């Protein structure tokens, strides 16, 4: 910009001097030069203003993006934390009954989260295909998005078939995925089928009484 100003002033000065000396051609050139330089200066100013505006817009966009990302991260962490609280409560129950504790499985968590999200989208409970390597307890709580881990665990423990997969001694790894519907929550207690045996399905195949750890004591 400084170079352009010096050049412009130089041309105008030469044109003015020569016009006073009676050089008609240079006098005419002066007028054209002044018009041209004015046009260039206006173009440079417009370009500078537009660039400044574009920069301001970019800065505004960048300032909003971290906020959106932060909210998403907080929600993701909240969902993960609630699922891990469910597992922690179940491990306390298992410990009281002399059953080994379960470990969190990140791969199962992916499947569990996907299943809960699918249920939340349809607002209905259902199970995974029997041919998949994993299975789950399904839970749904409409009417609130604030159900706690205790409510979810109590619901499963008070249901004989669901209690099987919370207290099953053969299980080693699980995960709990949580998802929100428009007016509620859904959860999946997900485990590997390979860690279960047919004897775990006693309520389907045999009339035998369940083991002592089966009974849920308040």
C-alpha atoms as a PDB file:
ATOM      1  CA  UNK A   1       0.000   0.000   0.000  1.00  0.00           C
ATOM      2  CA  UNK A   2       2.840   2.500   0.811  1.00  0.00           C
ATOM      3  CA  UNK A   3       4.484   1.728  -2.513  1.00  0.00           C
ATOM      4  CA  UNK A   4       1.224   2.338  -4.379  1.00  0.00           C
ATOM      5  CA  UNK A   5       0.711   5.685  -2.651  1.00  0.00           C
ATOM      6  CA  UNK A   6       4.254   6.856  -3.519  1.00  0.00           C
ATOM      7  CA  UNK A   7       3.796   5.794  -7.138  1.00  0.00           C
ATOM      8  CA  UNK A   8       0.445   7.555  -7.353  1.00  0.00           C
ATOM      9  CA  UNK A   9       1.772  10.816  -5.891  1.00  0.00           C
ATOM     10  CA  UNK A  10       4.780  10.714  -8.194  1.00  0.00           C
ATOM     11  CA  UNK A  11       2.664  10.351 -11.324  1.00  0.00           C
ATOM     12  CA  UNK A  12       0.284  13.109 -10.239  1.00  0.00           C
ATOM     13  CA  UNK A  13       3.170  15.446  -9.405  1.00  0.00           C
ATOM     14  CA  UNK A  14       4.796  14.932 -12.788  1.00  0.00           C
ATOM     15  CA  UNK A  15       1.479  15.438 -14.551  1.00  0.00           C
ATOM     16  CA  UNK A  16       0.765  18.681 -12.674  1.00  0.00           C
ATOM     17  CA  UNK A  17       4.213  20.105 -13.369  1.00  0.00           C
ATOM     18  CA  UNK A  18       4.080  19.294 -17.058  1.00  0.00           C
ATOM     19  CA  UNK A  19       0.544  20.674 -17.409  1.00  0.00           C
ATOM     20  CA  UNK A  20       1.715  24.052 -16.147  1.00  0.00           C
ATOM     21  CA  UNK A  21       4.534  24.003 -18.690  1.00  0.00           C
ATOM     22  CA  UNK A  22       1.986  23.819 -21.497  1.00  0.00           C
ATOM     23  CA  UNK A  23       2.450  20.194 -22.507  1.00  0.00           C
ATOM     24  CA  UNK A  24      -1.060  19.427 -23.640  1.00  0.00           C
ATOM     25  CA  UNK A  25      -0.461  15.689 -24.135  1.00  0.00           C
ATOM     26  CA  UNK A  26       0.936  15.293 -20.646  1.00  0.00           C
ATOM     27  CA  UNK A  27      -1.860  17.420 -19.257  1.00  0.00           C
ATOM     28  CA  UNK A  28      -4.335  15.016 -20.809  1.00  0.00           C
ATOM     29  CA  UNK A  29      -2.318  12.109 -19.488  1.00  0.00           C
ATOM     30  CA  UNK A  30      -2.502  13.648 -16.019  1.00  0.00           C
ATOM     31  CA  UNK A  31      -6.280  13.499 -16.021  1.00  0.00           C
ATOM     32  CA  UNK A  32      -6.333   9.912 -17.210  1.00  0.00           C
ATOM     33  CA  UNK A  33      -3.657   8.935 -14.706  1.00  0.00           C
ATOM     34  CA  UNK A  34      -5.536  10.517 -11.823  1.00  0.00           C
ATOM     35  CA  UNK A  35      -8.749   8.712 -12.795  1.00  0.00           C
ATOM     36  CA  UNK A  36      -6.932   5.411 -13.173  1.00  0.00           C
ATOM     37  CA  UNK A  37      -5.131   5.704  -9.855  1.00  0.00           C
ATOM     38  CA  UNK A  38      -8.355   6.661  -8.079  1.00  0.00           C
ATOM     39  CA  UNK A  39      -9.939   3.547  -9.508  1.00  0.00           C
ATOM     40  CA  UNK A  40      -7.046   1.373  -8.344  1.00  0.00           C
ATOM     41  CA  UNK A  41      -7.143   2.828  -4.839  1.00  0.00           C
ATOM     42  CA  UNK A  42     -10.912   2.253  -4.590  1.00  0.00           C
ATOM     43  CA  UNK A  43     -10.472  -1.367  -5.773  1.00  0.00           C
ATOM     44  CA  UNK A  44      -7.751  -1.983  -3.189  1.00  0.00           C
ATOM     45  CA  UNK A  45      -9.940  -0.509  -0.429  1.00  0.00           C
ATOM     46  CA  UNK A  46     -12.907  -2.675  -1.444  1.00  0.00           C
ATOM     47  CA  UNK A  47     -10.723  -5.779  -1.524  1.00  0.00           C
ATOM     48  CA  UNK A  48      -9.300  -4.957   1.917  1.00  0.00           C
ATOM     49  CA  UNK A  49     -12.779  -4.436   3.383  1.00  0.00           C
ATOM     50  CA  UNK A  50     -14.098  -7.689   1.900  1.00  0.00           C
ATOM     51  CA  UNK A  51     -11.070  -9.600   3.198  1.00  0.00           C
ATOM     52  CA  UNK A  52     -11.597  -8.143   6.669  1.00  0.00           C
ATOM     53  CA  UNK A  53     -15.266  -9.151   6.650  1.00  0.00           C
ATOM     54  CA  UNK A  54     -14.433 -12.671   5.494  1.00  0.00           C
ATOM     55  CA  UNK A  55     -11.859 -12.959   8.267  1.00  0.00           C
ATOM     56  CA  UNK A  56     -14.398 -11.818  10.841  1.00  0.00           C
ATOM     57  CA  UNK A  57     -16.923 -14.434   9.638  1.00  0.00           C
ATOM     58  CA  UNK A  58     -14.289 -17.151   9.842  1.00  0.00           C
ATOM     59  CA  UNK A  59     -13.393 -16.124  13.362  1.00  0.00           C
ATOM     60  CA  UNK A  60     -17.041 -16.201  14.383  1.00  0.00           C
ATOM     61  CA  UNK A  61     -17.484 -19.710  12.959  1.00  0.00           C
ATOM     62  CA  UNK A  62     -14.375 -20.966  14.717  1.00  0.00           C
ATOM     63  CA  UNK A  63     -15.537 -19.545  18.033  1.00  0.00           C
ATOM     64  CA  UNK A  64     -18.830 -21.488  17.797  1.00  0.00           C
ATOM     65  CA  UNK A  65     -17.347 -24.843  16.768  1.00  0.00           C
ATOM     66  CA  UNK A  66     -15.516 -25.597  20.054  1.00  0.00           C
ATOM     67  CA  UNK A  67     -18.745 -25.010  21.993  1.00  0.00           C
ATOM     68  CA  UNK A  68     -20.651 -27.562  19.893  1.00  0.00           C
ATOM     69  CA  UNK A  69     -17.797 -30.070  20.198  1.00  0.00           C
ATOM     70  CA  UNK A  70     -17.611 -29.579  23.958  1.00  0.00           C
ATOM     71  CA  UNK A  71     -21.349 -30.220  24.413  1.00  0.00           C
ATOM     72  CA  UNK A  72     -21.088 -33.408  22.350  1.00  0.00           C
ATOM     73  CA  UNK A  73     -18.132 -34.621  24.389  1.00  0.00           C
ATOM     74  CA  UNK A  74     -19.955 -33.938  27.643  1.00  0.00           C
ATOM     75  CA  UNK A  75     -23.000 -35.935  26.499  1.00  0.00           C
ATOM     76  CA  UNK A  76     -20.799 -38.823  25.332  1.00  0.00           C
ATOM     77  CA  UNK A  77     -18.980 -38.884  28.668  1.00  0.00           C
ATOM     78  CA  UNK A  78     -22.263 -38.722  30.598  1.00  0.00           C
ATOM     79  CA  UNK A  79     -23.652 -41.731  28.709  1.00  0.00           C
ATOM     80  CA  UNK A  80     -20.450 -43.731  29.202  1.00  0.00           C
ATOM     81  CA  UNK A  81     -20.331 -42.871  32.903  1.00  0.00           C
ATOM     82  CA  UNK A  82     -23.938 -44.009  33.459  1.00  0.00           C
ATOM     83  CA  UNK A  83     -23.271 -47.349  31.760  1.00  0.00           C
ATOM     84  CA  UNK A  84     -20.187 -47.904  33.901  1.00  0.00           C
ATOM     85  CA  UNK A  85     -22.193 -47.067  37.023  1.00  0.00           C
ATOM     86  CA  UNK A  86     -24.624 -49.848  36.096  1.00  0.00           C
ATOM     87  CA  UNK A  87     -21.743 -52.311  35.819  1.00  0.00           C
ATOM     88  CA  UNK A  88     -20.277 -51.151  39.132  1.00  0.00           C
ATOM     89  CA  UNK A  89     -23.595 -51.764  40.926  1.00  0.00           C
ATOM     90  CA  UNK A  90     -23.946 -55.217  39.380  1.00  0.00           C
ATOM     91  CA  UNK A  91     -20.386 -56.099  40.421  1.00  0.00           C
ATOM     92  CA  UNK A  92     -21.255 -55.177  44.008  1.00  0.00           C
ATOM     93  CA  UNK A  93     -24.210 -57.592  43.888  1.00  0.00           C
ATOM     94  CA  UNK A  94     -22.066 -60.309  42.303  1.00  0.00           C
ATOM     95  CA  UNK A  95     -19.401 -59.849  44.956  1.00  0.00           C
ATOM     96  CA  UNK A  96     -21.986 -60.188  47.725  1.00  0.00           C
ATOM     97  CA  UNK A  97     -23.095 -63.488  46.206  1.00  0.00           C
ATOM     98  CA  UNK A  98     -19.546 -64.785  45.708  1.00  0.00           C
ATOM     99  CA  UNK A  99     -19.577 -64.368  41.905  1.00  0.00           C
ATOM    100  CA  UNK A 100     -16.526 -63.001  40.069  1.00  0.00           C
ATOM    101  CA  UNK A 101     -16.639 -59.405  38.927  1.00  0.00           C
ATOM    102  CA  UNK A 102     -17.189 -58.480  35.274  1.00  0.00           C
ATOM    103  CA  UNK A 103     -14.826 -56.401  33.144  1.00  0.00           C
ATOM    104  CA  UNK A 104     -15.810 -53.593  30.785  1.00  0.00           C
ATOM    105  CA  UNK A 105     -15.352 -54.438  27.096  1.00  0.00           C
ATOM    106  CA  UNK A 106     -14.877 -51.534  24.665  1.00  0.00           C
ATOM    107  CA  UNK A 107     -15.907 -53.539  21.608  1.00  0.00           C
ATOM    108  CA  UNK A 108     -19.081 -54.710  23.328  1.00  0.00           C
ATOM    109  CA  UNK A 109     -19.723 -51.087  24.218  1.00  0.00           C
ATOM    110  CA  UNK A 110     -19.816 -50.176  20.526  1.00  0.00           C
ATOM    111  CA  UNK A 111     -22.444 -52.869  19.899  1.00  0.00           C
ATOM    112  CA  UNK A 112     -24.354 -51.970  23.049  1.00  0.00           C
ATOM    113  CA  UNK A 113     -24.481 -48.285  22.202  1.00  0.00           C
ATOM    114  CA  UNK A 114     -25.639 -48.974  18.650  1.00  0.00           C
ATOM    115  CA  UNK A 115     -28.405 -51.253  19.912  1.00  0.00           C
ATOM    116  CA  UNK A 116     -29.647 -48.741  22.473  1.00  0.00           C
ATOM    117  CA  UNK A 117     -29.615 -45.984  19.864  1.00  0.00           C
ATOM    118  CA  UNK A 118     -31.678 -48.163  17.518  1.00  0.00           C
ATOM    119  CA  UNK A 119     -34.218 -48.847  20.278  1.00  0.00           C
ATOM    120  CA  UNK A 120     -34.386 -45.163  21.166  1.00  0.00           C
ATOM    121  CA  UNK A 121     -34.990 -44.273  17.535  1.00  0.00           C
ATOM    122  CA  UNK A 122     -37.874 -46.762  17.270  1.00  0.00           C
ATOM    123  CA  UNK A 123     -38.949 -46.175  20.885  1.00  0.00           C
ATOM    124  CA  UNK A 124     -39.340 -49.910  21.355  1.00  0.00           C
ATOM    125  CA  UNK A 125     -37.498 -52.824  22.992  1.00  0.00           C
ATOM    126  CA  UNK A 126     -36.038 -55.618  20.870  1.00  0.00           C
ATOM    127  CA  UNK A 127     -33.049 -57.977  20.795  1.00  0.00           C
ATOM    128  CA  UNK A 128     -30.135 -58.502  18.451  1.00  0.00           C
ATOM    129  CA  UNK A 129     -30.180 -61.267  15.856  1.00  0.00           C
ATOM    130  CA  UNK A 130     -29.430 -64.707  17.314  1.00  0.00           C
ATOM    131  CA  UNK A 131     -26.654 -65.186  14.740  1.00  0.00           C
ATOM    132  CA  UNK A 132     -24.604 -62.285  16.057  1.00  0.00           C
ATOM    133  CA  UNK A 133     -21.715 -62.980  18.477  1.00  0.00           C
ATOM    134  CA  UNK A 134     -23.325 -60.942  21.246  1.00  0.00           C
ATOM    135  CA  UNK A 135     -26.664 -60.680  23.057  1.00  0.00           C
ATOM    136  CA  UNK A 136     -28.211 -58.300  25.561  1.00  0.00           C
ATOM    137  CA  UNK A 137     -30.686 -57.393  28.227  1.00  0.00           C
ATOM    138  CA  UNK A 138     -32.826 -54.550  26.933  1.00  0.00           C
ATOM    139  CA  UNK A 139     -34.300 -51.807  29.098  1.00  0.00           C
ATOM    140  CA  UNK A 140     -36.539 -48.843  28.353  1.00  0.00           C
ATOM    141  CA  UNK A 141     -37.701 -45.972  30.515  1.00  0.00           C
ATOM    142  CA  UNK A 142     -40.042 -43.517  28.851  1.00  0.00           C
ATOM    143  CA  UNK A 143     -41.281 -40.353  30.513  1.00  0.00           C
ATOM    144  CA  UNK A 144     -37.894 -39.128  31.761  1.00  0.00           C
ATOM    145  CA  UNK A 145     -34.301 -38.650  30.666  1.00  0.00           C
ATOM    146  CA  UNK A 146     -33.013 -38.738  34.221  1.00  0.00           C
ATOM    147  CA  UNK A 147     -33.301 -42.400  35.183  1.00  0.00           C
ATOM    148  CA  UNK A 148     -30.356 -43.456  37.330  1.00  0.00           C
ATOM    149  CA  UNK A 149     -28.171 -46.572  37.309  1.00  0.00           C
ATOM    150  CA  UNK A 150     -30.000 -47.940  40.378  1.00  0.00           C
ATOM    151  CA  UNK A 151     -33.356 -47.902  38.554  1.00  0.00           C
ATOM    152  CA  UNK A 152     -31.951 -49.772  35.566  1.00  0.00           C
ATOM    153  CA  UNK A 153     -30.256 -52.425  37.725  1.00  0.00           C
ATOM    154  CA  UNK A 154     -33.341 -52.925  39.918  1.00  0.00           C
ATOM    155  CA  UNK A 155     -35.511 -53.423  36.822  1.00  0.00           C
ATOM    156  CA  UNK A 156     -33.268 -56.198  35.535  1.00  0.00           C
ATOM    157  CA  UNK A 157     -32.744 -57.800  38.936  1.00  0.00           C
ATOM    158  CA  UNK A 158     -36.491 -57.988  39.517  1.00  0.00           C
ATOM    159  CA  UNK A 159     -36.990 -59.843  36.225  1.00  0.00           C
ATOM    160  CA  UNK A 160     -35.928 -63.535  36.471  1.00  0.00           C
ATOM    161  CA  UNK A 161     -34.801 -63.887  32.854  1.00  0.00           C
ATOM    162  CA  UNK A 162     -32.847 -60.624  32.858  1.00  0.00           C
ATOM    163  CA  UNK A 163     -31.285 -61.409  36.217  1.00  0.00           C
ATOM    164  CA  UNK A 164     -29.699 -64.474  34.613  1.00  0.00           C
ATOM    165  CA  UNK A 165     -27.355 -62.284  32.563  1.00  0.00           C
ATOM    166  CA  UNK A 166     -26.426 -59.995  35.429  1.00  0.00           C
ATOM    167  CA  UNK A 167     -25.450 -62.829  37.798  1.00  0.00           C
ATOM    168  CA  UNK A 168     -24.321 -65.451  35.278  1.00  0.00           C
ATOM    169  CA  UNK A 169     -20.969 -66.762  36.680  1.00  0.00           C
ATOM    170  CA  UNK A 170     -19.682 -67.727  33.225  1.00  0.00           C
ATOM    171  CA  UNK A 171     -19.693 -64.168  31.908  1.00  0.00           C
ATOM    172  CA  UNK A 172     -16.405 -62.271  32.028  1.00  0.00           C
ATOM    173  CA  UNK A 173     -16.965 -59.172  29.903  1.00  0.00           C
ATOM    174  CA  UNK A 174     -19.926 -56.831  29.415  1.00  0.00           C
ATOM    175  CA  UNK A 175     -20.782 -53.277  28.460  1.00  0.00           C
ATOM    176  CA  UNK A 176     -23.813 -51.067  28.960  1.00  0.00           C
ATOM    177  CA  UNK A 177     -24.854 -48.626  26.255  1.00  0.00           C
ATOM    178  CA  UNK A 178     -27.295 -45.821  27.031  1.00  0.00           C
ATOM    179  CA  UNK A 179     -29.302 -43.779  24.518  1.00  0.00           C
ATOM    180  CA  UNK A 180     -31.974 -41.096  24.797  1.00  0.00           C
ATOM    181  CA  UNK A 181     -35.284 -41.039  22.945  1.00  0.00           C
ATOM    182  CA  UNK A 182     -37.420 -37.929  22.493  1.00  0.00           C
ATOM    183  CA  UNK A 183     -39.015 -38.611  25.873  1.00  0.00           C
ATOM    184  CA  UNK A 184     -36.988 -41.218  27.694  1.00  0.00           C
ATOM    185  CA  UNK A 185     -33.985 -43.535  27.857  1.00  0.00           C
ATOM    186  CA  UNK A 186     -32.923 -46.975  26.627  1.00  0.00           C
ATOM    187  CA  UNK A 187     -30.156 -49.284  27.823  1.00  0.00           C
ATOM    188  CA  UNK A 188     -28.509 -52.520  26.707  1.00  0.00           C
ATOM    189  CA  UNK A 189     -26.558 -54.924  28.937  1.00  0.00           C
ATOM    190  CA  UNK A 190     -24.435 -56.570  26.256  1.00  0.00           C
ATOM    191  CA  UNK A 191     -22.281 -59.704  26.565  1.00  0.00           C
ATOM    192  CA  UNK A 192     -20.499 -62.260  24.373  1.00  0.00           C
ATOM    193  CA  UNK A 193     -22.499 -65.375  23.554  1.00  0.00           C
ATOM    194  CA  UNK A 194     -19.242 -67.352  23.511  1.00  0.00           C
ATOM    195  CA  UNK A 195     -18.896 -66.819  27.268  1.00  0.00           C
ATOM    196  CA  UNK A 196     -22.213 -68.497  28.022  1.00  0.00           C
ATOM    197  CA  UNK A 197     -23.197 -72.171  28.093  1.00  0.00           C
ATOM    198  CA  UNK A 198     -26.484 -73.970  27.621  1.00  0.00           C
ATOM    199  CA  UNK A 199     -26.716 -74.449  31.365  1.00  0.00           C
ATOM    200  CA  UNK A 200     -27.068 -70.688  31.699  1.00  0.00           C
ATOM    201  CA  UNK A 201     -30.399 -70.995  29.945  1.00  0.00           C
ATOM    202  CA  UNK A 202     -31.846 -73.294  32.633  1.00  0.00           C
ATOM    203  CA  UNK A 203     -35.161 -71.409  32.699  1.00  0.00           C
ATOM    204  CA  UNK A 204     -35.773 -72.412  29.062  1.00  0.00           C
ATOM    205  CA  UNK A 205     -34.552 -75.981  28.961  1.00  0.00           C
ATOM    206  CA  UNK A 206     -34.833 -77.525  32.425  1.00  0.00           C
ATOM    207  CA  UNK A 207     -37.311 -77.558  35.320  1.00  0.00           C
ATOM    208  CA  UNK A 208     -34.475 -77.377  37.849  1.00  0.00           C
ATOM    209  CA  UNK A 209     -34.495 -74.772  40.563  1.00  0.00           C
ATOM    210  CA  UNK A 210     -32.085 -71.868  40.054  1.00  0.00           C
ATOM    211  CA  UNK A 211     -28.828 -71.715  42.035  1.00  0.00           C
ATOM    212  CA  UNK A 212     -28.698 -69.923  45.361  1.00  0.00           C
ATOM    213  CA  UNK A 213     -27.212 -66.779  43.825  1.00  0.00           C
ATOM    214  CA  UNK A 214     -30.291 -66.475  41.640  1.00  0.00           C
ATOM    215  CA  UNK A 215     -32.537 -65.072  44.301  1.00  0.00           C
ATOM    216  CA  UNK A 216     -32.683 -61.342  44.565  1.00  0.00           C
ATOM    217  CA  UNK A 217     -32.751 -60.151  48.164  1.00  0.00           C
ATOM    218  CA  UNK A 218     -33.709 -56.552  48.900  1.00  0.00           C
END
